Amino acid sequence: MTLPSNGIARTADLLSSGWSRHRISAAVARGELTRPRRGWIARPSADPDLLRAAANGLVIACITAAERQGLWSRSRTAPHFAVRCAGSETRPPGAVLHWGRPIVPRPPGALVEPPENMLDQVARCVPHEEAVAVWDSALHTGLVDLDKLRGMHFRGRARAVLEAASPFAGSGLESYVRLRLGWLRVSITWQAWLLGHRVDFLIGERLVLQIDGGTHVGLQRSADIRHDAELRLRGYTVIRVGYVDVMERWPAVQSLIMQAIGQGLHLRGA
């Protein structure tokens, strides 16, 4: 057996696969392998986050584990870890530690939380809207299944996030907007198809809300501008906002939407 592709493994796993202690010690002496912590062996080039988790008796968790999966999240600087065995851990500088029994048992050699544990931690760690956006992203990418999540023993804030989550959100920004407009007594369809293209939100019958992320540039932006023009020619009202509008200027965006509804622009024939 060779070391896993991430470059780190438990000593017990290497021994059970046929390595000898002499072979391991010789490789460490030559500098080919290191011992980040008793019971662990790694290449010097191993993933730094995994090395730090192993060295401190921790598991990569919460929002840090979400980012490793490519899920939507707001920028974070502090790494998040879960404590595998209370009392044996050390805290890396600036790290956020999570305690508590995991939803899904961790395999002995795991250094990254399973998705269900990660989502549970996210729900208890970050604000509700952000947690829903992360859960939506996990569902949308197929990392987890909604029916299976509903069968898990989530409690408290995690159960509330689960009830609000959806696999149909195209981005984290859409998740925020969906939650913030949920109080409206107007039909809202997200990811609706109009004139051969998908729009982020159709409010009522004629009001379109489009959310531009940070990568909305180039050919995609040009195509969307053309589609906006087609929608206007067919009698739709289009409101297009960006990341900063949603995350930092939401009251102004909401006011704009309310004024459009007040003028009946969401109604056919307005």
C-alpha atoms as a PDB file:
ATOM      1  CA  MET A   1       0.000   0.000   0.000  1.00  0.00           C
ATOM      2  CA  THR A   2       1.134   3.532  -0.756  1.00  0.00           C
ATOM      3  CA  LEU A   3      -0.056   6.594   1.098  1.00  0.00           C
ATOM      4  CA  PRO A   4      -3.435   7.978  -0.002  1.00  0.00           C
ATOM      5  CA  SER A   5      -3.447  10.714  -2.637  1.00  0.00           C
ATOM      6  CA  ASN A   6      -3.834  13.342   0.083  1.00  0.00           C
ATOM      7  CA  GLY A   7      -0.466  12.202   1.476  1.00  0.00           C
ATOM      8  CA  ILE A   8      -1.492  11.324   5.018  1.00  0.00           C
ATOM      9  CA  ALA A   9      -2.595   8.140   6.824  1.00  0.00           C
ATOM     10  CA  ARG A  10      -2.816   6.560  10.237  1.00  0.00           C
ATOM     11  CA  THR A  11       0.149   4.444  11.232  1.00  0.00           C
ATOM     12  CA  ALA A  12      -2.261   1.619  12.136  1.00  0.00           C
ATOM     13  CA  ASP A  13      -3.663   1.593   8.601  1.00  0.00           C
ATOM     14  CA  LEU A  14      -0.168   1.384   7.079  1.00  0.00           C
ATOM     15  CA  LEU A  15       0.794  -1.456   9.393  1.00  0.00           C
ATOM     16  CA  SER A  16      -2.389  -3.401   8.652  1.00  0.00           C
ATOM     17  CA  SER A  17      -1.753  -3.042   4.911  1.00  0.00           C
ATOM     18  CA  GLY A  18       1.709  -4.605   5.104  1.00  0.00           C
ATOM     19  CA  TRP A  19       4.111  -1.821   6.032  1.00  0.00           C
ATOM     20  CA  SER A  20       6.587  -2.616   8.803  1.00  0.00           C
ATOM     21  CA  ARG A  21       7.541  -0.264  11.601  1.00  0.00           C
ATOM     22  CA  HIS A  22      11.125  -0.456  10.365  1.00  0.00           C
ATOM     23  CA  ARG A  23      10.103   0.680   6.896  1.00  0.00           C
ATOM     24  CA  ILE A  24       8.114   3.597   8.321  1.00  0.00           C
ATOM     25  CA  SER A  25      10.949   4.658  10.645  1.00  0.00           C
ATOM     26  CA  ALA A  26      13.494   4.449   7.827  1.00  0.00           C
ATOM     27  CA  ALA A  27      11.321   6.639   5.573  1.00  0.00           C
ATOM     28  CA  VAL A  28      10.946   9.187   8.384  1.00  0.00           C
ATOM     29  CA  ALA A  29      14.710   9.200   8.978  1.00  0.00           C
ATOM     30  CA  ARG A  30      15.326   9.888   5.276  1.00  0.00           C
ATOM     31  CA  GLY A  31      12.855  12.784   5.351  1.00  0.00           C
ATOM     32  CA  GLU A  32      10.481  11.069   2.946  1.00  0.00           C
ATOM     33  CA  LEU A  33       7.769  10.902   5.611  1.00  0.00           C
ATOM     34  CA  THR A  34       6.924  12.907   8.726  1.00  0.00           C
ATOM     35  CA  ARG A  35       5.040  12.214  11.939  1.00  0.00           C
ATOM     36  CA  PRO A  36       2.592  15.115  12.409  1.00  0.00           C
ATOM     37  CA  ARG A  37       1.300  13.445  15.583  1.00  0.00           C
ATOM     38  CA  ARG A  38       1.672  10.104  17.276  1.00  0.00           C
ATOM     39  CA  GLY A  39      -0.264   7.574  15.226  1.00  0.00           C
ATOM     40  CA  TRP A  40      -0.060   9.528  11.956  1.00  0.00           C
ATOM     41  CA  ILE A  41       2.340   9.428   9.000  1.00  0.00           C
ATOM     42  CA  ALA A  42       2.465  11.967   6.170  1.00  0.00           C
ATOM     43  CA  ARG A  43       4.481  13.158   3.233  1.00  0.00           C
ATOM     44  CA  PRO A  44       6.048  16.593   3.731  1.00  0.00           C
ATOM     45  CA  SER A  45       3.969  17.736   0.738  1.00  0.00           C
ATOM     46  CA  ALA A  46       0.648  16.557   2.196  1.00  0.00           C
ATOM     47  CA  ASP A  47      -2.390  18.837   2.264  1.00  0.00           C
ATOM     48  CA  PRO A  48      -1.572  21.522   4.890  1.00  0.00           C
ATOM     49  CA  ASP A  49      -5.131  21.595   6.249  1.00  0.00           C
ATOM     50  CA  LEU A  50      -5.138  17.831   6.754  1.00  0.00           C
ATOM     51  CA  LEU A  51      -1.718  17.992   8.395  1.00  0.00           C
ATOM     52  CA  ARG A  52      -2.947  20.640  10.795  1.00  0.00           C
ATOM     53  CA  ALA A  53      -6.037  18.598  11.644  1.00  0.00           C
ATOM     54  CA  ALA A  54      -4.005  15.446  12.303  1.00  0.00           C
ATOM     55  CA  ALA A  55      -1.329  17.286  14.275  1.00  0.00           C
ATOM     56  CA  ASN A  56      -3.909  18.786  16.625  1.00  0.00           C
ATOM     57  CA  GLY A  57      -6.262  15.822  17.029  1.00  0.00           C
ATOM     58  CA  LEU A  58      -9.013  17.541  15.046  1.00  0.00           C
ATOM     59  CA  VAL A  59     -11.294  17.098  12.041  1.00  0.00           C
ATOM     60  CA  ILE A  60     -11.839  19.770   9.380  1.00  0.00           C
ATOM     61  CA  ALA A  61     -15.402  20.911   9.972  1.00  0.00           C
ATOM     62  CA  CYS A  62     -18.212  23.384   9.445  1.00  0.00           C
ATOM     63  CA  ILE A  63     -17.692  26.192   6.937  1.00  0.00           C
ATOM     64  CA  THR A  64     -14.085  25.136   6.210  1.00  0.00           C
ATOM     65  CA  ALA A  65     -15.266  21.657   5.216  1.00  0.00           C
ATOM     66  CA  ALA A  66     -17.998  23.250   3.092  1.00  0.00           C
ATOM     67  CA  GLU A  67     -15.459  25.356   1.226  1.00  0.00           C
ATOM     68  CA  ARG A  68     -13.333  22.253   0.544  1.00  0.00           C
ATOM     69  CA  GLN A  69     -16.398  20.735  -1.122  1.00  0.00           C
ATOM     70  CA  GLY A  70     -16.765  23.816  -3.339  1.00  0.00           C
ATOM     71  CA  LEU A  71     -20.012  24.894  -1.674  1.00  0.00           C
ATOM     72  CA  TRP A  72     -21.170  28.487  -1.577  1.00  0.00           C
ATOM     73  CA  SER A  73     -20.014  30.410   1.468  1.00  0.00           C
ATOM     74  CA  ARG A  74     -19.086  33.890   2.556  1.00  0.00           C
ATOM     75  CA  SER A  75     -15.374  34.594   2.927  1.00  0.00           C
ATOM     76  CA  ARG A  76     -13.858  33.281   6.142  1.00  0.00           C
ATOM     77  CA  THR A  77     -10.347  33.601   7.533  1.00  0.00           C
ATOM     78  CA  ALA A  78     -10.603  31.465  10.681  1.00  0.00           C
ATOM     79  CA  PRO A  79     -10.437  27.694  10.036  1.00  0.00           C
ATOM     80  CA  HIS A  80     -13.127  25.538  11.636  1.00  0.00           C
ATOM     81  CA  PHE A  81     -12.369  22.140  13.197  1.00  0.00           C
ATOM     82  CA  ALA A  82     -14.317  19.561  15.189  1.00  0.00           C
ATOM     83  CA  VAL A  83     -12.802  17.965  18.281  1.00  0.00           C
ATOM     84  CA  ARG A  84     -12.493  14.222  17.806  1.00  0.00           C
ATOM     85  CA  CYS A  85     -11.849  13.332  21.443  1.00  0.00           C
ATOM     86  CA  ALA A  86     -12.279  16.080  24.052  1.00  0.00           C
ATOM     87  CA  GLY A  87      -9.146  16.587  26.110  1.00  0.00           C
ATOM     88  CA  SER A  88      -6.693  15.304  23.517  1.00  0.00           C
ATOM     89  CA  GLU A  89      -6.990  18.258  21.137  1.00  0.00           C
ATOM     90  CA  THR A  90      -4.918  21.402  20.802  1.00  0.00           C
ATOM     91  CA  ARG A  91      -6.250  24.606  19.248  1.00  0.00           C
ATOM     92  CA  PRO A  92      -4.406  25.969  16.202  1.00  0.00           C
ATOM     93  CA  PRO A  93      -3.957  29.761  16.338  1.00  0.00           C
ATOM     94  CA  GLY A  94      -7.143  31.556  15.342  1.00  0.00           C
ATOM     95  CA  ALA A  95      -9.149  28.379  14.837  1.00  0.00           C
ATOM     96  CA  VAL A  96     -12.816  27.849  15.741  1.00  0.00           C
ATOM     97  CA  LEU A  97     -13.454  24.506  17.449  1.00  0.00           C
ATOM     98  CA  HIS A  98     -16.721  22.534  17.455  1.00  0.00           C
ATOM     99  CA  TRP A  99     -17.617  20.036  20.149  1.00  0.00           C
ATOM    100  CA  GLY A 100     -20.527  17.635  20.389  1.00  0.00           C
ATOM    101  CA  ARG A 101     -21.657  14.246  19.112  1.00  0.00           C
ATOM    102  CA  PRO A 102     -21.683  14.036  15.317  1.00  0.00           C
ATOM    103  CA  ILE A 103     -24.847  13.172  13.387  1.00  0.00           C
ATOM    104  CA  VAL A 104     -22.949  10.539  11.376  1.00  0.00           C
ATOM    105  CA  PRO A 105     -20.151   8.570  13.123  1.00  0.00           C
ATOM    106  CA  ARG A 106     -16.682   9.514  11.879  1.00  0.00           C
ATOM    107  CA  PRO A 107     -14.446   6.723  10.571  1.00  0.00           C
ATOM    108  CA  PRO A 108     -11.261   6.395  12.674  1.00  0.00           C
ATOM    109  CA  GLY A 109      -8.990   7.889  10.021  1.00  0.00           C
ATOM    110  CA  ALA A 110     -11.288  10.696   8.864  1.00  0.00           C
ATOM    111  CA  LEU A 111      -9.772  14.181   8.872  1.00  0.00           C
ATOM    112  CA  VAL A 112     -12.735  15.909   7.191  1.00  0.00           C
ATOM    113  CA  GLU A 113     -16.312  15.771   8.452  1.00  0.00           C
ATOM    114  CA  PRO A 114     -18.905  13.821   6.439  1.00  0.00           C
ATOM    115  CA  PRO A 115     -21.331  16.200   4.697  1.00  0.00           C
ATOM    116  CA  GLU A 116     -24.158  15.651   7.181  1.00  0.00           C
ATOM    117  CA  ASN A 117     -21.951  16.600  10.138  1.00  0.00           C
ATOM    118  CA  MET A 118     -20.617  19.608   8.259  1.00  0.00           C
ATOM    119  CA  LEU A 119     -24.156  20.858   7.544  1.00  0.00           C
ATOM    120  CA  ASP A 120     -25.211  20.355  11.164  1.00  0.00           C
ATOM    121  CA  GLN A 121     -22.235  22.435  12.325  1.00  0.00           C
ATOM    122  CA  VAL A 122     -22.916  25.147   9.750  1.00  0.00           C
ATOM    123  CA  ALA A 123     -26.516  25.429  10.956  1.00  0.00           C
ATOM    124  CA  ARG A 124     -25.357  25.961  14.541  1.00  0.00           C
ATOM    125  CA  CYS A 125     -22.424  28.233  13.717  1.00  0.00           C
ATOM    126  CA  VAL A 126     -23.435  30.871  11.152  1.00  0.00           C
ATOM    127  CA  PRO A 127     -26.550  33.065  10.725  1.00  0.00           C
ATOM    128  CA  HIS A 128     -29.699  31.352   9.449  1.00  0.00           C
ATOM    129  CA  GLU A 129     -29.644  32.872   5.957  1.00  0.00           C
ATOM    130  CA  GLU A 130     -26.033  31.914   5.381  1.00  0.00           C
ATOM    131  CA  ALA A 131     -26.639  28.397   6.700  1.00  0.00           C
ATOM    132  CA  VAL A 132     -29.568  27.926   4.316  1.00  0.00           C
ATOM    133  CA  ALA A 133     -27.379  29.114   1.426  1.00  0.00           C
ATOM    134  CA  VAL A 134     -24.739  26.484   2.272  1.00  0.00           C
ATOM    135  CA  TRP A 135     -27.357  23.727   2.605  1.00  0.00           C
ATOM    136  CA  ASP A 136     -28.964  24.825  -0.677  1.00  0.00           C
ATOM    137  CA  SER A 137     -25.564  24.620  -2.346  1.00  0.00           C
ATOM    138  CA  ALA A 138     -24.967  21.108  -0.997  1.00  0.00           C
ATOM    139  CA  LEU A 139     -28.368  20.006  -2.298  1.00  0.00           C
ATOM    140  CA  HIS A 140     -27.988  21.741  -5.655  1.00  0.00           C
ATOM    141  CA  THR A 141     -24.596  20.131  -6.332  1.00  0.00           C
ATOM    142  CA  GLY A 142     -25.846  16.676  -5.358  1.00  0.00           C
ATOM    143  CA  LEU A 143     -23.496  16.349  -2.390  1.00  0.00           C
ATOM    144  CA  VAL A 144     -26.473  15.366  -0.226  1.00  0.00           C
ATOM    145  CA  ASP A 145     -30.043  14.210  -0.830  1.00  0.00           C
ATOM    146  CA  LEU A 146     -33.013  16.082   0.645  1.00  0.00           C
ATOM    147  CA  ASP A 147     -35.045  12.980   1.502  1.00  0.00           C
ATOM    148  CA  LYS A 148     -32.074  11.384   3.257  1.00  0.00           C
ATOM    149  CA  LEU A 149     -31.404  14.566   5.213  1.00  0.00           C
ATOM    150  CA  ARG A 150     -35.022  14.584   6.384  1.00  0.00           C
ATOM    151  CA  GLY A 151     -34.435  11.139   7.852  1.00  0.00           C
ATOM    152  CA  MET A 152     -31.437  12.304   9.908  1.00  0.00           C
ATOM    153  CA  HIS A 153     -31.731  13.287  13.575  1.00  0.00           C
ATOM    154  CA  PHE A 154     -31.107  17.004  13.145  1.00  0.00           C
ATOM    155  CA  ARG A 155     -32.283  19.152  16.036  1.00  0.00           C
ATOM    156  CA  GLY A 156     -32.819  22.806  16.875  1.00  0.00           C
ATOM    157  CA  ARG A 157     -31.332  25.244  14.399  1.00  0.00           C
ATOM    158  CA  ALA A 158     -30.320  22.461  12.017  1.00  0.00           C
ATOM    159  CA  ARG A 159     -33.921  21.275  11.769  1.00  0.00           C
ATOM    160  CA  ALA A 160     -35.065  24.834  11.015  1.00  0.00           C
ATOM    161  CA  VAL A 161     -32.427  25.181   8.281  1.00  0.00           C
ATOM    162  CA  LEU A 162     -33.451  21.823   6.813  1.00  0.00           C
ATOM    163  CA  GLU A 163     -37.069  22.957   6.592  1.00  0.00           C
ATOM    164  CA  ALA A 164     -36.008  26.098   4.702  1.00  0.00           C
ATOM    165  CA  ALA A 165     -33.475  24.454   2.358  1.00  0.00           C
ATOM    166  CA  SER A 166     -34.096  23.764  -1.323  1.00  0.00           C
ATOM    167  CA  PRO A 167     -32.166  21.964  -4.088  1.00  0.00           C
ATOM    168  CA  PHE A 168     -33.315  24.505  -6.690  1.00  0.00           C
ATOM    169  CA  ALA A 169     -31.302  27.581  -5.702  1.00  0.00           C
ATOM    170  CA  GLY A 170     -28.748  28.414  -8.382  1.00  0.00           C
ATOM    171  CA  SER A 171     -26.515  30.412  -6.031  1.00  0.00           C
ATOM    172  CA  GLY A 172     -26.134  31.486  -2.438  1.00  0.00           C
ATOM    173  CA  LEU A 173     -27.473  34.926  -3.308  1.00  0.00           C
ATOM    174  CA  GLU A 174     -30.694  33.364  -4.568  1.00  0.00           C
ATOM    175  CA  SER A 175     -31.042  31.580  -1.229  1.00  0.00           C
ATOM    176  CA  TYR A 176     -30.819  34.888   0.635  1.00  0.00           C
ATOM    177  CA  VAL A 177     -33.360  36.547  -1.646  1.00  0.00           C
ATOM    178  CA  ARG A 178     -35.781  33.603  -1.433  1.00  0.00           C
ATOM    179  CA  LEU A 179     -35.801  33.820   2.346  1.00  0.00           C
ATOM    180  CA  ARG A 180     -36.100  37.605   2.397  1.00  0.00           C
ATOM    181  CA  LEU A 181     -39.092  37.660   0.051  1.00  0.00           C
ATOM    182  CA  GLY A 182     -40.872  34.722   1.644  1.00  0.00           C
ATOM    183  CA  TRP A 183     -43.245  36.987   3.573  1.00  0.00           C
ATOM    184  CA  LEU A 184     -44.764  38.459   0.386  1.00  0.00           C
ATOM    185  CA  ARG A 185     -48.328  37.440  -0.401  1.00  0.00           C
ATOM    186  CA  VAL A 186     -47.439  37.331  -4.075  1.00  0.00           C
ATOM    187  CA  SER A 187     -46.545  34.231  -6.076  1.00  0.00           C
ATOM    188  CA  ILE A 188     -42.780  33.891  -6.497  1.00  0.00           C
ATOM    189  CA  THR A 189     -41.195  31.323  -8.799  1.00  0.00           C
ATOM    190  CA  TRP A 190     -37.441  30.906  -8.701  1.00  0.00           C
ATOM    191  CA  GLN A 191     -35.471  29.461 -11.604  1.00  0.00           C
ATOM    192  CA  ALA A 192     -38.421  30.107 -13.930  1.00  0.00           C
ATOM    193  CA  TRP A 193     -38.113  29.644 -17.722  1.00  0.00           C
ATOM    194  CA  LEU A 194     -39.067  32.685 -19.807  1.00  0.00           C
ATOM    195  CA  LEU A 195     -38.482  33.050 -23.546  1.00  0.00           C
ATOM    196  CA  GLY A 196     -36.080  30.121 -23.632  1.00  0.00           C
ATOM    197  CA  HIS A 197     -33.891  31.240 -20.719  1.00  0.00           C
ATOM    198  CA  ARG A 198     -33.921  30.765 -16.981  1.00  0.00           C
ATOM    199  CA  VAL A 199     -34.554  33.767 -14.736  1.00  0.00           C
ATOM    200  CA  ASP A 200     -33.710  33.836 -11.043  1.00  0.00           C
ATOM    201  CA  PHE A 201     -37.119  35.007  -9.768  1.00  0.00           C
ATOM    202  CA  LEU A 202     -40.476  35.650 -11.395  1.00  0.00           C
ATOM    203  CA  ILE A 203     -42.622  37.700  -9.024  1.00  0.00           C
ATOM    204  CA  GLY A 204     -46.275  37.485  -9.915  1.00  0.00           C
ATOM    205  CA  GLU A 205     -46.685  37.211 -13.672  1.00  0.00           C
ATOM    206  CA  ARG A 206     -44.511  40.025 -15.021  1.00  0.00           C
ATOM    207  CA  LEU A 207     -41.831  41.171 -12.551  1.00  0.00           C
ATOM    208  CA  VAL A 208     -38.421  39.545 -13.064  1.00  0.00           C
ATOM    209  CA  LEU A 209     -35.635  39.785 -10.481  1.00  0.00           C
ATOM    210  CA  GLN A 210     -32.153  38.790 -11.662  1.00  0.00           C
ATOM    211  CA  ILE A 211     -29.221  38.291  -9.264  1.00  0.00           C
ATOM    212  CA  ASP A 212     -25.705  38.765 -10.644  1.00  0.00           C
ATOM    213  CA  GLY A 213     -22.859  37.018  -8.804  1.00  0.00           C
ATOM    214  CA  GLY A 214     -19.242  38.109  -8.720  1.00  0.00           C
ATOM    215  CA  THR A 215     -18.402  36.119 -11.876  1.00  0.00           C
ATOM    216  CA  HIS A 216     -21.202  37.557 -13.991  1.00  0.00           C
ATOM    217  CA  VAL A 217     -19.022  38.971 -16.791  1.00  0.00           C
ATOM    218  CA  GLY A 218     -18.142  38.492 -20.449  1.00  0.00           C
ATOM    219  CA  LEU A 219     -20.336  36.425 -22.754  1.00  0.00           C
ATOM    220  CA  GLN A 220     -22.738  35.451 -19.981  1.00  0.00           C
ATOM    221  CA  ARG A 221     -23.428  39.083 -19.131  1.00  0.00           C
ATOM    222  CA  SER A 222     -23.916  39.987 -22.808  1.00  0.00           C
ATOM    223  CA  ALA A 223     -26.403  37.131 -23.253  1.00  0.00           C
ATOM    224  CA  ASP A 224     -28.318  38.180 -20.140  1.00  0.00           C
ATOM    225  CA  ILE A 225     -28.518  41.794 -21.318  1.00  0.00           C
ATOM    226  CA  ARG A 226     -30.002  40.625 -24.611  1.00  0.00           C
ATOM    227  CA  HIS A 227     -32.501  38.451 -22.740  1.00  0.00           C
ATOM    228  CA  ASP A 228     -33.454  41.398 -20.508  1.00  0.00           C
ATOM    229  CA  ALA A 229     -34.209  43.418 -23.621  1.00  0.00           C
ATOM    230  CA  GLU A 230     -36.396  40.628 -25.034  1.00  0.00           C
ATOM    231  CA  LEU A 231     -38.289  40.392 -21.762  1.00  0.00           C
ATOM    232  CA  ARG A 232     -38.967  44.134 -21.734  1.00  0.00           C
ATOM    233  CA  LEU A 233     -40.232  44.014 -25.323  1.00  0.00           C
ATOM    234  CA  ARG A 234     -42.685  41.303 -24.222  1.00  0.00           C
ATOM    235  CA  GLY A 235     -44.038  43.393 -21.363  1.00  0.00           C
ATOM    236  CA  TYR A 236     -41.939  42.187 -18.425  1.00  0.00           C
ATOM    237  CA  THR A 237     -40.274  44.494 -15.901  1.00  0.00           C
ATOM    238  CA  VAL A 238     -36.701  43.435 -15.108  1.00  0.00           C
ATOM    239  CA  ILE A 239     -34.817  44.379 -11.939  1.00  0.00           C
ATOM    240  CA  ARG A 240     -31.176  43.286 -11.958  1.00  0.00           C
ATOM    241  CA  VAL A 241     -29.037  43.527  -8.811  1.00  0.00           C
ATOM    242  CA  GLY A 242     -25.573  42.303  -7.791  1.00  0.00           C
ATOM    243  CA  TYR A 243     -23.756  40.770  -4.837  1.00  0.00           C
ATOM    244  CA  VAL A 244     -23.233  44.015  -2.948  1.00  0.00           C
ATOM    245  CA  ASP A 245     -26.886  44.977  -3.430  1.00  0.00           C
ATOM    246  CA  VAL A 246     -28.082  41.741  -1.833  1.00  0.00           C
ATOM    247  CA  MET A 247     -25.510  41.467   0.943  1.00  0.00           C
ATOM    248  CA  GLU A 248     -25.040  45.120   1.906  1.00  0.00           C
ATOM    249  CA  ARG A 249     -27.885  47.176   0.419  1.00  0.00           C
ATOM    250  CA  TRP A 250     -30.869  44.900   0.801  1.00  0.00           C
ATOM    251  CA  PRO A 251     -33.293  47.527   2.207  1.00  0.00           C
ATOM    252  CA  ALA A 252     -32.882  49.547  -0.993  1.00  0.00           C
ATOM    253  CA  VAL A 253     -33.437  46.454  -3.157  1.00  0.00           C
ATOM    254  CA  GLN A 254     -36.508  45.465  -1.168  1.00  0.00           C
ATOM    255  CA  SER A 255     -37.887  48.996  -1.473  1.00  0.00           C
ATOM    256  CA  LEU A 256     -37.442  48.853  -5.248  1.00  0.00           C
ATOM    257  CA  ILE A 257     -39.325  45.558  -5.445  1.00  0.00           C
ATOM    258  CA  MET A 258     -42.113  46.852  -3.198  1.00  0.00           C
ATOM    259  CA  GLN A 259     -42.515  49.968  -5.339  1.00  0.00           C
ATOM    260  CA  ALA A 260     -42.739  47.825  -8.487  1.00  0.00           C
ATOM    261  CA  ILE A 261     -45.442  45.688  -6.861  1.00  0.00           C
ATOM    262  CA  GLY A 262     -47.189  48.821  -5.648  1.00  0.00           C
ATOM    263  CA  GLN A 263     -47.374  50.002  -9.267  1.00  0.00           C
ATOM    264  CA  GLY A 264     -48.773  46.637 -10.330  1.00  0.00           C
ATOM    265  CA  LEU A 265     -45.774  45.811 -12.492  1.00  0.00           C
ATOM    266  CA  HIS A 266     -45.983  42.197 -11.388  1.00  0.00           C
ATOM    267  CA  LEU A 267     -49.439  41.840 -12.991  1.00  0.00           C
ATOM    268  CA  ARG A 268     -50.175  40.870 -16.559  1.00  0.00           C
ATOM    269  CA  GLY A 269     -51.371  43.865 -18.547  1.00  0.00           C
ATOM    270  CA  ALA A 270     -49.958  46.422 -16.087  1.00  0.00           C
END
